[in-house]
Amino acid sequence: MLFSKSIVVLLTGVTLTAAAPARGPTKRAPCENTPTSRGCWGDFSIDDDPHYTWPDTGVTRTFNFNIGYTTLSPDGISKQMMTINNQYPGPPIEANWGDNIQVTVCNNLDVNGTGIHFHGVRQYLSNFADGAASQTECPISPGDCFTYKFKATQHGTSWYHSHYSLQYSQGILGPIIIHGPKTSNYDIDLGPLNIQDYYRESVFELSQSPQTRILGIPPVPISGLINGKNTNLAGTNGSRHEITFTPNKKHLLRLINTGTEVTFRFSIDNHSLLVVSADFIPIVPFTTTSLLIAVGQRYDVIITANQPSNTSYWARVEPILSCLSITLNVPNIRAIVRYPNSPPGSLPSSLPPLFLDNSCTDQPLSSLVPYHSHSVPPSALTSSTQADLLPASSSSYAMKWQITSNHSSSSTPHNYSPLKSNPIPRLLLSSSPPTEIPSEFVPLDLTPLSLPPSSFIYILISSTLPLPHPIHLHGHDIYILGRGTGTFLPGITPYNTANPPRRDTINLPQTGWLLLAFSTDNPGSWLLHCHIAWHLHDGFGMTILEGTNRSDLTGVYTNGGHDAELERVCVNWEGSGLDSRI
């Protein structure tokens, strides 16, 4: 079945009143981060806005990732996977706010390039460490290594994953934990809870199946996993992840949807969730019984263990059917929450909270109030560009997306499909840089516009499709000015510029629209894309070139010699003979 697809991106801009990021905490006496003072962080605190200020600890946290093939059994049935250090999920990247992070990635895959993207990490003035193959770097060749270096200017929870082909759906992913202050107190940090859909077959084979290539129907996952494990459909193999609660204590749990396609709802029977952050943004705490989490999104929640000490409860991860999200193991994606005196090995008998699965949206925007208030001033630009996502006219494959733009050098629509051997920084640093960026990048080039630093760009995205799309922008937190179903009418449809919600991944509603904004305060070549892995794989993405001029962008690479390392990796990639592999 072929679907028509359309998306419109209108861009205008506004001037940001705040200055570029400047270091230095709010003046106060230092205080220690303890269970009764989680807002404290030494000389800093939760009152310091990470967009503008952060500690400089002088500490470098180093991590070594060896990517290769490993046979594992996430649901009790063995499968060859691509893994990091033979682990799935991969080892956590754990640091403190203001630390330097250094990740050395070595590729032990025999016929695949690779690379690591640090999802949601702002990469302020470190576009070279974004890890988007074809966009900011060439893939790391088999036998080669590359070291990513960046500063943890944000605090909270995220994840890293391969940004090469469909590799993260085959296992190359893991959590990121940046310790810092919180907007509410807690006693125990339980760490990350990765939730995801799971395909037992190779995702590379699934992407080439007639169902996917000809009919345009994404594969249906066999199941879902919680921290890399679950029982299989028959319940005869595998195991469930277990969480231990300490009675009368408050537990911080870091929820991450590291999946390929499915939007999930998370809940714990008989317990409420106090939500304290959305993606990397601290928010004014609110209480709920469940959370809808799209691919790429994260929530930090605090759960009070207020039930009897001899009980156990289900933590449920349920596909949202109204989002057209399904797995074959729909009711059985669960973890066990145990109190210390519950019978060992027993299964919970608890019942789920009641909710209607009749709406596929993120949490209400009114709930996601940023703790640090930002306002988006009036527009500074009047020009606009349009982008239409359509099936490729030259192909019968329904999931080949195309984007047209009047900033493109060609009037012919193009899906995002750049060569892996010529990422944009390499093109711009060459002896003969192009006047216009190749249309395969689907570029929106802001560098010729001479925008003042820290201007804003508005993006209106609309879709006629009956399925949602988690939209992710690299290098930025997105200001969510509005969203809705139907059609956005400029000058008529209301939207909010007074401390709107911010996050780096936001769901585009079914047959609806999103009005987004971002600040041009981070020079680089950034990717805007749908985080459904099948969609990006088939071209649902576009490039934003940011800087007051192109030297702003290239200077990020030449300052510190990152251009030489970029070129070394690209030369090795060109010699690998793998550039045509999908």
Protein backbone atom coordinates (compact mmCIF):
# COMPACT_ATOMS: atom_id res chain seq x y z
CA MET A 1 0.00 0.00 0.00
CA LEU A 2 1.44 3.36 -1.02
CA PHE A 3 0.84 6.45 1.10
CA SER A 4 1.14 10.05 -0.05
CA LYS A 5 3.38 12.09 2.23
CA SER A 6 3.84 15.80 2.58
CA ILE A 7 5.62 18.11 4.95
CA VAL A 8 5.98 21.87 4.79
CA VAL A 9 8.77 23.76 6.49
CA LEU A 10 8.37 27.54 6.72
CA LEU A 11 11.22 29.49 8.21
CA THR A 12 11.25 32.90 9.78
CA GLY A 13 13.44 34.22 12.54
CA VAL A 14 13.52 36.17 15.74
CA THR A 15 16.29 37.85 17.71
CA LEU A 16 17.25 36.30 21.04
CA THR A 17 17.57 38.84 23.81
CA ALA A 18 20.13 36.87 25.84
CA ALA A 19 23.81 36.92 25.02
CA ALA A 20 25.87 33.99 23.79
CA PRO A 21 26.66 31.40 26.48
CA ALA A 22 28.84 32.84 29.23
CA ARG A 23 30.29 30.91 32.14
CA GLY A 24 29.88 31.70 35.81
CA PRO A 25 27.34 30.50 38.38
CA THR A 26 24.74 32.56 40.12
CA LYS A 27 26.42 34.11 43.17
CA ARG A 28 25.74 32.04 46.29
CA ALA A 29 27.45 30.03 48.97
CA PRO A 30 28.45 26.53 47.78
CA CYS A 31 26.16 23.71 48.84
CA GLU A 32 26.35 19.92 48.65
CA ASN A 33 24.07 17.72 46.54
CA THR A 34 22.32 15.41 49.05
CA PRO A 35 18.93 13.63 49.25
CA THR A 36 17.47 16.74 50.89
CA SER A 37 19.25 19.27 48.62
CA ARG A 38 19.24 17.89 45.08
CA GLY A 39 19.05 21.43 43.71
CA CYS A 40 22.61 22.09 44.93
CA TRP A 41 25.73 21.41 42.89
CA GLY A 42 28.77 22.90 44.60
CA ASP A 43 29.29 26.44 43.31
CA PHE A 44 26.37 25.89 40.92
CA SER A 45 22.75 24.91 41.43
CA ILE A 46 19.51 24.12 39.61
CA ASP A 47 19.02 27.88 39.28
CA ASP A 48 21.92 28.07 36.78
CA ASP A 49 20.60 27.72 33.23
CA PRO A 50 22.73 25.12 31.34
CA HIS A 51 22.03 26.93 28.07
CA TYR A 52 24.20 29.82 29.24
CA THR A 53 26.46 28.57 32.03
CA TRP A 54 28.10 25.38 33.24
CA PRO A 55 30.95 24.24 35.51
CA ASP A 56 34.46 23.65 34.22
CA THR A 57 35.58 20.73 36.38
CA GLY A 58 38.85 20.08 34.57
CA VAL A 59 38.01 16.36 34.73
CA THR A 60 38.13 14.23 31.57
CA ARG A 61 36.06 11.05 31.53
CA THR A 62 37.45 8.55 29.00
CA PHE A 63 35.59 5.67 27.39
CA ASN A 64 36.80 3.04 24.91
CA PHE A 65 34.23 1.48 22.59
CA ASN A 66 35.05 -1.56 20.46
CA ILE A 67 32.26 -2.17 17.95
CA GLY A 68 31.90 -5.70 16.61
CA TYR A 69 29.64 -8.70 16.18
CA THR A 70 28.33 -10.63 19.19
CA THR A 71 25.74 -13.38 19.54
CA LEU A 72 23.33 -12.56 22.35
CA SER A 73 19.84 -13.61 23.47
CA PRO A 74 17.85 -10.52 24.58
CA ASP A 75 14.58 -12.48 24.67
CA GLY A 76 16.12 -15.87 25.31
CA ILE A 77 16.62 -16.69 21.62
CA SER A 78 20.09 -16.16 20.17
CA LYS A 79 20.77 -13.55 17.52
CA GLN A 80 23.91 -12.07 15.99
CA MET A 81 24.05 -8.41 16.94
CA MET A 82 26.32 -5.42 16.48
CA THR A 83 27.46 -4.41 19.95
CA ILE A 84 29.84 -2.18 21.89
CA ASN A 85 32.35 -4.08 24.06
CA ASN A 86 30.19 -7.20 23.56
CA GLN A 87 27.39 -5.57 25.60
CA TYR A 88 23.76 -4.76 24.85
CA PRO A 89 22.82 -2.11 25.69
CA GLY A 90 26.31 -0.71 25.48
CA PRO A 91 28.23 0.58 28.51
CA PRO A 92 26.94 3.82 30.02
CA ILE A 93 28.68 7.11 29.39
CA GLU A 94 28.60 8.59 32.89
CA ALA A 95 29.99 11.99 33.90
CA ASN A 96 29.32 15.07 35.97
CA TRP A 97 28.00 18.37 34.68
CA GLY A 98 30.97 20.33 33.32
CA ASP A 99 33.26 17.33 32.76
CA ASN A 100 35.09 16.75 29.49
CA ILE A 101 34.07 13.53 27.75
CA GLN A 102 36.36 11.56 25.46
CA VAL A 103 35.05 8.48 23.63
CA THR A 104 37.40 6.44 21.43
CA VAL A 105 35.47 4.26 18.96
CA CYS A 106 37.24 1.41 17.17
CA ASN A 107 35.50 -0.40 14.32
CA ASN A 108 35.87 -4.19 14.34
CA LEU A 109 33.06 -4.76 11.83
CA ASP A 110 34.50 -6.36 8.71
CA VAL A 111 32.33 -4.84 5.98
CA ASN A 112 30.65 -1.86 7.64
CA GLY A 113 31.60 1.65 8.55
CA THR A 114 30.32 3.05 11.82
CA GLY A 115 30.27 6.07 14.14
CA ILE A 116 28.57 7.26 17.33
CA HIS A 117 26.09 10.12 17.76
CA PHE A 118 25.43 11.47 21.26
CA HIS A 119 21.70 12.10 21.09
CA GLY A 120 20.55 15.44 22.48
CA VAL A 121 24.06 16.54 23.45
CA ARG A 122 24.26 20.16 22.36
CA GLN A 123 27.87 19.90 21.18
CA TYR A 124 28.36 23.61 21.76
CA LEU A 125 31.22 24.64 19.42
CA SER A 126 32.00 20.93 18.88
CA ASN A 127 30.11 20.04 15.69
CA PHE A 128 33.07 17.74 14.89
CA ALA A 129 31.93 15.41 17.71
CA ASP A 130 28.29 15.08 16.63
CA GLY A 131 28.89 11.68 15.03
CA ALA A 132 26.40 11.96 12.14
CA ALA A 133 27.88 9.95 9.26
CA SER A 134 27.75 11.83 5.92
CA GLN A 135 26.84 15.03 7.78
CA THR A 136 29.75 15.87 10.10
CA GLU A 137 32.14 13.00 9.44
CA CYS A 138 32.97 10.08 7.18
CA PRO A 139 32.20 6.66 8.66
CA ILE A 140 34.95 5.03 10.69
CA SER A 141 36.42 2.31 8.47
CA PRO A 142 36.95 -1.30 9.55
CA GLY A 143 40.16 -1.41 11.56
CA ASP A 144 40.17 2.36 12.18
CA CYS A 145 39.48 4.34 15.37
CA PHE A 146 38.23 7.87 16.04
CA THR A 147 38.03 9.83 19.28
CA TYR A 148 35.06 12.11 20.04
CA LYS A 149 35.79 14.97 22.45
CA PHE A 150 33.20 17.33 23.95
CA LYS A 151 32.13 19.04 27.17
CA ALA A 152 29.06 18.09 29.20
CA THR A 153 27.40 21.52 29.20
CA GLN A 154 23.98 19.96 30.01
CA HIS A 155 22.90 17.63 32.79
CA GLY A 156 20.36 14.82 32.78
CA THR A 157 19.77 11.66 30.76
CA SER A 158 20.21 10.67 27.14
CA TRP A 159 21.65 7.95 24.92
CA TYR A 160 24.24 7.39 22.25
CA HIS A 161 23.83 5.33 19.10
CA SER A 162 25.31 4.63 15.71
CA HIS A 163 24.20 7.15 13.09
CA TYR A 164 25.28 4.91 10.22
CA SER A 165 22.55 3.10 8.27
CA LEU A 166 20.30 1.06 10.60
CA GLN A 167 23.07 -0.06 12.93
CA TYR A 168 21.58 1.16 16.19
CA SER A 169 18.54 -1.05 15.57
CA GLN A 170 20.99 -3.95 15.37
CA GLY A 171 22.44 -3.14 18.80
CA ILE A 172 24.88 -0.20 18.74
CA LEU A 173 23.43 2.01 21.48
CA GLY A 174 23.70 2.80 25.17
CA PRO A 175 22.74 5.33 27.88
CA ILE A 176 24.28 8.70 28.78
CA ILE A 177 24.07 9.95 32.36
CA ILE A 178 25.28 13.46 33.18
CA HIS A 179 24.89 13.96 36.92
CA GLY A 180 23.74 17.39 38.02
CA PRO A 181 21.11 19.19 40.09
CA LYS A 182 17.40 18.32 39.96
CA THR A 183 14.17 20.25 40.44
CA SER A 184 13.01 17.89 43.21
CA ASN A 185 14.68 15.78 45.89
CA TYR A 186 15.22 12.03 45.76
CA ASP A 187 17.09 9.40 47.80
CA ILE A 188 18.29 6.75 45.34
CA ASP A 189 19.37 7.02 41.67
CA LEU A 190 18.27 3.77 40.00
CA GLY A 191 20.02 4.67 36.73
CA PRO A 192 18.73 4.38 33.17
CA LEU A 193 15.79 2.30 31.93
CA ASN A 194 16.16 1.74 28.19
CA ILE A 195 12.90 0.78 26.50
CA GLN A 196 12.76 -0.27 22.87
CA ASP A 197 11.13 -2.34 20.18
CA TYR A 198 13.02 -5.46 19.11
CA TYR A 199 13.47 -7.27 15.80
CA ARG A 200 14.85 -10.79 15.93
CA GLU A 201 15.65 -10.73 12.22
CA SER A 202 18.47 -8.59 10.83
CA VAL A 203 17.17 -5.06 10.32
CA PHE A 204 19.29 -4.81 7.18
CA GLU A 205 17.46 -7.78 5.68
CA LEU A 206 14.11 -6.41 6.83
CA SER A 207 14.83 -3.07 5.12
CA GLN A 208 15.19 -4.89 1.81
CA SER A 209 12.09 -7.05 2.16
CA PRO A 210 9.26 -6.57 -0.38
CA GLN A 211 6.94 -5.45 2.43
CA THR A 212 9.25 -2.56 3.28
CA ARG A 213 10.68 -1.70 -0.13
CA ILE A 214 7.62 -2.07 -2.35
CA LEU A 215 4.60 -1.68 -0.07
CA GLY A 216 6.22 0.89 2.23
CA ILE A 217 5.05 -0.92 5.37
CA PRO A 218 7.61 -0.89 8.19
CA PRO A 219 8.37 -4.30 9.72
CA VAL A 220 6.45 -5.24 12.87
CA PRO A 221 8.79 -5.80 15.84
CA ILE A 222 8.65 -9.23 17.43
CA SER A 223 8.71 -7.75 20.92
CA GLY A 224 10.07 -5.03 23.15
CA LEU A 225 12.94 -4.94 25.62
CA ILE A 226 13.60 -3.23 28.95
CA ASN A 227 17.30 -2.69 29.58
CA GLY A 228 18.04 -5.25 26.89
CA LYS A 229 15.90 -8.13 28.10
CA ASN A 230 12.42 -9.64 28.09
CA THR A 231 10.75 -13.03 27.80
CA ASN A 232 9.82 -14.31 24.34
CA LEU A 233 6.32 -14.64 22.91
CA ALA A 234 5.81 -18.10 24.37
CA GLY A 235 7.22 -17.08 27.75
CA THR A 236 9.56 -20.08 27.67
CA ASN A 237 12.84 -18.23 27.30
CA GLY A 238 14.44 -14.99 28.41
CA SER A 239 14.09 -13.04 31.61
CA ARG A 240 12.64 -9.79 32.88
CA HIS A 241 14.52 -6.80 34.15
CA GLU A 242 14.00 -6.27 37.87
CA ILE A 243 13.99 -3.02 39.85
CA THR A 244 14.33 -2.96 43.63
CA PHE A 245 12.54 -0.30 45.66
CA THR A 246 13.55 0.65 49.19
CA PRO A 247 10.43 1.32 51.27
CA ASN A 248 9.57 4.96 51.93
CA LYS A 249 12.43 6.21 49.77
CA LYS A 250 12.23 8.36 46.63
CA HIS A 251 13.80 6.76 43.56
CA LEU A 252 15.09 8.55 40.46
CA LEU A 253 14.50 6.54 37.27
CA ARG A 254 15.85 7.69 33.90
CA LEU A 255 13.48 6.63 31.10
CA ILE A 256 14.85 6.45 27.52
CA ASN A 257 13.08 5.27 24.36
CA THR A 258 16.01 3.83 22.39
CA GLY A 259 13.74 2.14 19.87
CA THR A 260 13.46 2.03 16.10
CA GLU A 261 9.84 3.00 15.54
CA VAL A 262 7.38 2.31 18.37
CA THR A 263 5.95 4.97 20.69
CA PHE A 264 5.45 3.52 24.18
CA ARG A 265 3.51 4.36 27.32
CA PHE A 266 5.38 3.72 30.58
CA SER A 267 3.75 3.16 33.97
CA ILE A 268 4.28 1.32 37.25
CA ASP A 269 1.20 -0.22 38.82
CA ASN A 270 0.05 1.49 42.05
CA HIS A 271 2.72 4.21 41.77
CA SER A 272 2.80 7.79 40.53
CA LEU A 273 5.61 9.40 38.54
CA LEU A 274 6.95 12.83 39.49
CA VAL A 275 8.45 14.13 36.24
CA VAL A 276 11.45 16.45 36.72
CA SER A 277 12.99 16.69 33.25
CA ALA A 278 12.06 16.21 29.59
CA ASP A 279 15.07 15.26 27.46
CA PHE A 280 17.92 17.43 28.81
CA ILE A 281 15.59 20.22 30.02
CA PRO A 282 14.84 20.57 33.76
CA ILE A 283 11.11 21.23 34.17
CA VAL A 284 8.72 22.34 36.88
CA PRO A 285 7.78 18.97 38.44
CA PHE A 286 4.38 17.45 37.66
CA THR A 287 2.75 14.18 38.68
CA THR A 288 1.21 11.59 36.37
CA THR A 289 0.43 7.87 36.37
CA SER A 290 1.92 7.23 32.91
CA LEU A 291 4.11 8.81 30.24
CA LEU A 292 3.98 8.56 26.46
CA ILE A 293 7.57 8.33 25.19
CA ALA A 294 8.40 8.61 21.49
CA VAL A 295 11.61 7.30 19.93
CA GLY A 296 14.57 9.37 21.15
CA GLN A 297 12.73 11.02 24.04
CA ARG A 298 13.72 10.82 27.71
CA TYR A 299 12.11 11.62 31.04
CA ASP A 300 13.66 11.67 34.50
CA VAL A 301 11.02 10.63 37.04
CA ILE A 302 10.95 10.28 40.82
CA ILE A 303 8.90 7.45 42.33
CA THR A 304 8.07 7.18 46.02
CA ALA A 305 8.10 3.61 47.32
CA ASN A 306 4.93 3.87 49.40
CA GLN A 307 3.55 0.33 49.05
CA PRO A 308 3.88 -2.64 51.48
CA SER A 309 7.40 -4.09 51.74
CA ASN A 310 6.26 -7.64 50.83
CA THR A 311 4.76 -6.72 47.45
CA SER A 312 5.86 -6.54 43.82
CA TYR A 313 4.42 -4.64 40.84
CA TRP A 314 4.59 -4.56 37.07
CA ALA A 315 6.44 -1.76 35.30
CA ARG A 316 4.66 -1.67 31.95
CA VAL A 317 5.93 -0.58 28.54
CA GLU A 318 2.97 -0.62 26.16
CA PRO A 319 2.92 0.23 22.45
CA ILE A 320 0.45 3.02 21.67
CA LEU A 321 -1.98 1.59 19.14
CA SER A 322 -3.39 5.02 18.29
CA CYS A 323 0.15 5.91 17.08
CA LEU A 324 -0.02 2.85 14.79
CA SER A 325 2.66 1.39 17.06
CA ILE A 326 2.48 -2.37 17.54
CA THR A 327 4.65 -5.32 18.46
CA LEU A 328 3.73 -8.99 18.34
CA ASN A 329 4.30 -9.13 22.11
CA VAL A 330 1.99 -6.20 22.93
CA PRO A 331 0.89 -6.98 26.52
CA ASN A 332 4.11 -8.61 27.63
CA ILE A 333 6.78 -5.89 27.66
CA ARG A 334 7.26 -5.59 31.39
CA ALA A 335 9.79 -5.32 34.19
CA ILE A 336 9.29 -6.36 37.81
CA VAL A 337 9.43 -3.80 40.62
CA ARG A 338 10.21 -5.60 43.87
CA TYR A 339 10.04 -4.45 47.45
CA PRO A 340 12.65 -6.18 49.67
CA ASN A 341 10.32 -8.69 51.34
CA SER A 342 8.43 -9.83 48.25
CA PRO A 343 8.72 -13.61 47.60
CA PRO A 344 11.78 -14.29 45.40
CA GLY A 345 10.88 -15.42 41.90
CA SER A 346 7.21 -14.55 42.27
CA LEU A 347 5.39 -12.63 39.55
CA PRO A 348 3.31 -9.53 40.35
CA SER A 349 -0.47 -9.71 40.25
CA SER A 350 -0.98 -5.94 40.10
CA LEU A 351 -3.36 -4.24 37.67
CA PRO A 352 -2.42 -1.37 35.33
CA PRO A 353 -3.62 2.21 35.66
CA LEU A 354 -6.57 3.10 33.45
CA PHE A 355 -6.03 5.29 30.43
CA LEU A 356 -7.63 5.70 27.02
CA ASP A 357 -5.47 4.90 24.02
CA ASN A 358 -7.31 7.32 21.76
CA SER A 359 -4.76 10.07 21.15
CA CYS A 360 -1.22 9.95 19.81
CA THR A 361 0.50 13.05 21.19
CA ASP A 362 3.33 13.81 23.55
CA GLN A 363 2.59 14.92 27.09
CA PRO A 364 0.43 18.08 27.14
CA LEU A 365 2.61 21.10 26.42
CA SER A 366 1.12 22.77 29.49
CA SER A 367 2.81 20.10 31.65
CA LEU A 368 6.29 20.57 30.18
CA VAL A 369 7.13 23.93 31.75
CA PRO A 370 10.90 24.61 31.62
CA TYR A 371 12.39 25.46 35.00
CA HIS A 372 14.55 28.14 33.33
CA SER A 373 12.26 30.55 31.56
CA HIS A 374 13.06 31.60 27.98
CA SER A 375 10.90 33.76 25.75
CA VAL A 376 11.04 33.91 21.96
CA PRO A 377 10.92 37.51 20.69
CA PRO A 378 9.34 38.77 17.42
CA SER A 379 10.53 37.68 14.02
CA ALA A 380 13.73 39.08 12.53
CA LEU A 381 13.36 37.41 9.12
CA THR A 382 10.56 37.58 6.62
CA SER A 383 11.85 35.11 4.01
CA SER A 384 10.61 31.53 4.04
CA THR A 385 11.40 28.20 2.45
CA GLN A 386 9.22 25.22 1.76
CA ALA A 387 10.09 21.55 1.97
CA ASP A 388 7.83 18.79 0.70
CA LEU A 389 8.35 15.16 1.68
CA LEU A 390 7.03 12.99 -1.12
CA PRO A 391 7.61 9.49 -2.50
CA ALA A 392 10.55 9.58 -4.91
CA SER A 393 9.17 10.03 -8.41
CA SER A 394 11.97 7.92 -9.87
CA SER A 395 11.40 4.96 -7.57
CA SER A 396 8.57 2.60 -6.69
CA TYR A 397 9.76 2.44 -3.08
CA ALA A 398 7.09 4.09 -0.96
CA MET A 399 9.43 5.07 1.85
CA LYS A 400 11.82 7.12 -0.29
CA TRP A 401 11.17 10.60 1.10
CA GLN A 402 12.05 13.77 -0.75
CA ILE A 403 12.43 17.35 0.39
CA THR A 404 12.27 20.34 -1.95
CA SER A 405 13.60 23.74 -0.98
CA ASN A 406 13.88 27.03 -2.83
CA HIS A 407 17.34 27.32 -1.29
CA SER A 408 18.39 24.21 -3.21
CA SER A 409 20.43 24.40 -6.39
CA SER A 410 17.89 22.21 -8.15
CA SER A 411 14.13 22.48 -8.57
CA THR A 412 13.90 18.67 -8.54
CA PRO A 413 12.83 17.20 -5.19
CA HIS A 414 15.52 15.23 -3.33
CA ASN A 415 15.48 12.92 -0.36
CA TYR A 416 18.33 13.16 2.13
CA SER A 417 20.97 10.91 0.54
CA PRO A 418 24.47 12.44 0.71
CA LEU A 419 27.65 10.59 -0.12
CA LYS A 420 29.35 9.21 2.98
CA SER A 421 32.79 10.33 1.77
CA ASN A 422 32.02 14.06 1.53
CA PRO A 423 30.43 15.42 4.71
CA ILE A 424 29.67 19.12 4.62
CA PRO A 425 32.68 20.29 6.70
CA ARG A 426 35.00 18.44 4.32
CA LEU A 427 33.34 20.09 1.33
CA LEU A 428 33.65 23.56 2.86
CA LEU A 429 37.27 22.99 3.92
CA SER A 430 38.34 21.78 0.46
CA SER A 431 40.47 23.88 -1.86
CA SER A 432 37.40 24.53 -4.03
CA PRO A 433 34.41 24.78 -1.67
CA PRO A 434 31.03 24.71 -3.43
CA THR A 435 29.03 27.90 -3.77
CA GLU A 436 25.88 25.92 -3.03
CA ILE A 437 25.63 22.78 -0.93
CA PRO A 438 24.70 19.67 -2.99
CA SER A 439 20.98 19.05 -3.03
CA GLU A 440 21.43 15.52 -1.68
CA PHE A 441 21.94 17.13 1.74
CA VAL A 442 18.58 18.90 1.41
CA PRO A 443 20.30 22.04 2.69
CA LEU A 444 18.98 25.09 4.41
CA ASP A 445 22.09 27.29 4.33
CA LEU A 446 21.81 30.16 6.80
CA THR A 447 25.45 31.25 6.47
CA PRO A 448 24.93 33.69 3.52
CA LEU A 449 22.16 35.55 5.36
CA SER A 450 24.49 37.36 7.80
CA LEU A 451 22.10 36.76 10.67
CA PRO A 452 23.13 38.32 13.99
CA PRO A 453 24.46 35.75 16.47
CA SER A 454 21.71 34.07 18.49
CA SER A 455 18.92 34.82 16.04
CA PHE A 456 16.04 32.39 15.96
CA ILE A 457 14.59 30.32 13.12
CA TYR A 458 10.96 29.21 13.15
CA ILE A 459 10.09 25.89 11.51
CA LEU A 460 6.52 24.88 10.67
CA ILE A 461 6.24 21.17 9.88
CA SER A 462 2.95 19.66 8.77
CA SER A 463 1.91 16.20 7.64
CA THR A 464 -1.13 14.56 6.09
CA LEU A 465 -0.03 11.10 7.23
CA PRO A 466 -2.03 9.16 9.86
CA LEU A 467 1.14 8.38 11.84
CA PRO A 468 3.32 10.54 14.08
CA HIS A 469 6.98 11.37 13.48
CA PRO A 470 9.45 12.05 16.32
CA ILE A 471 11.36 15.07 14.97
CA HIS A 472 14.93 15.49 16.25
CA LEU A 473 17.32 18.41 15.69
CA HIS A 474 21.01 17.93 16.35
CA GLY A 475 22.99 20.58 18.23
CA HIS A 476 20.00 22.35 19.78
CA ASP A 477 17.08 22.29 22.14
CA ILE A 478 13.89 22.97 20.19
CA TYR A 479 11.39 25.58 21.36
CA ILE A 480 7.92 24.09 20.84
CA LEU A 481 5.74 27.09 19.99
CA GLY A 482 2.69 24.99 19.17
CA ARG A 483 1.31 21.79 17.71
CA GLY A 484 -2.04 20.48 16.61
CA THR A 485 -4.06 18.43 14.19
CA GLY A 486 -5.34 19.71 10.87
CA THR A 487 -3.81 22.78 9.25
CA PHE A 488 -1.77 25.60 10.75
CA LEU A 489 -3.09 28.94 9.48
CA PRO A 490 -0.50 31.76 9.70
CA GLY A 491 -1.96 34.80 11.42
CA ILE A 492 -4.93 32.81 12.70
CA THR A 493 -3.68 29.73 14.56
CA PRO A 494 -2.40 30.80 18.00
CA TYR A 495 1.00 29.77 19.33
CA ASN A 496 3.07 30.48 22.43
CA THR A 497 6.40 32.35 22.65
CA ALA A 498 6.38 32.89 26.45
CA ASN A 499 8.57 30.17 27.99
CA PRO A 500 7.40 27.47 25.56
CA PRO A 501 8.46 23.87 26.24
CA ARG A 502 11.95 22.94 25.07
CA ARG A 503 13.41 19.56 24.21
CA ASP A 504 15.45 17.97 21.42
CA THR A 505 12.88 15.41 20.19
CA ILE A 506 9.18 16.18 19.68
CA ASN A 507 6.37 14.22 18.04
CA LEU A 508 4.82 15.63 14.87
CA PRO A 509 1.14 14.69 15.38
CA GLN A 510 -0.76 12.48 12.98
CA THR A 511 -2.26 14.57 10.16
CA GLY A 512 -1.08 17.62 12.04
CA TRP A 513 1.57 20.30 12.49
CA LEU A 514 4.43 21.47 14.69
CA LEU A 515 5.68 25.03 15.04
CA LEU A 516 9.27 24.93 16.30
CA ALA A 517 12.08 27.40 16.84
CA PHE A 518 15.81 27.20 17.51
CA SER A 519 18.57 29.68 18.24
CA THR A 520 21.44 30.19 15.78
CA ASP A 521 24.04 30.21 18.55
CA ASN A 522 25.93 27.01 17.68
CA PRO A 523 27.82 27.10 14.34
CA GLY A 524 27.85 23.80 12.52
CA SER A 525 26.27 21.44 10.04
CA TRP A 526 23.25 20.03 11.83
CA LEU A 527 20.77 17.34 10.84
CA LEU A 528 16.99 17.71 11.28
CA HIS A 529 15.24 14.38 10.83
CA CYS A 530 12.55 11.93 11.79
CA HIS A 531 13.86 9.51 14.42
CA ILE A 532 11.90 6.54 13.12
CA ALA A 533 14.99 4.71 11.87
CA TRP A 534 13.26 3.37 8.74
CA HIS A 535 12.27 6.91 7.73
CA LEU A 536 15.71 8.49 8.11
CA HIS A 537 17.23 5.50 6.34
CA ASP A 538 15.00 6.31 3.38
CA GLY A 539 15.66 10.05 3.36
CA PHE A 540 13.41 11.86 5.86
CA GLY A 541 15.94 14.48 6.85
CA MET A 542 17.41 17.84 5.95
CA THR A 543 20.55 19.86 6.71
CA ILE A 544 20.83 23.18 8.52
CA LEU A 545 24.08 25.10 8.00
CA GLU A 546 24.48 27.51 10.87
CA GLY A 547 26.80 30.46 11.42
CA THR A 548 26.99 34.17 10.64
CA ASN A 549 29.15 33.07 7.70
CA ARG A 550 30.84 29.89 6.51
CA SER A 551 34.06 30.67 8.34
CA ASP A 552 32.10 30.38 11.60
CA LEU A 553 31.26 26.81 10.65
CA THR A 554 34.70 25.80 9.34
CA GLY A 555 36.41 27.53 12.27
CA VAL A 556 34.85 24.98 14.61
CA TYR A 557 36.97 22.37 12.81
CA THR A 558 40.19 24.32 12.21
CA ASN A 559 40.40 25.55 15.81
CA GLY A 560 42.15 22.68 17.56
CA GLY A 561 43.12 20.76 14.43
CA HIS A 562 39.88 18.80 14.10
CA ASP A 563 40.00 19.31 10.32
CA ALA A 564 43.11 17.10 10.06
CA GLU A 565 41.42 14.25 11.92
CA LEU A 566 38.30 14.66 9.78
CA GLU A 567 40.44 14.32 6.66
CA ARG A 568 42.34 11.30 7.99
CA VAL A 569 39.13 9.38 8.72
CA CYS A 570 37.71 10.30 5.30
CA VAL A 571 40.83 9.21 3.43
CA ASN A 572 40.70 5.85 5.22
CA TRP A 573 37.01 5.55 4.40
CA GLU A 574 37.62 6.26 0.71
CA GLY A 575 40.20 3.47 0.71
CA SER A 576 37.82 0.98 2.29
CA GLY A 577 35.74 0.44 -0.86
CA LEU A 578 32.55 0.46 1.25
CA ASP A 579 31.03 3.81 0.26
CA SER A 580 28.21 2.22 -1.73
CA ARG A 581 27.03 -0.06 1.10
CA ILE A 582 23.69 0.78 2.72
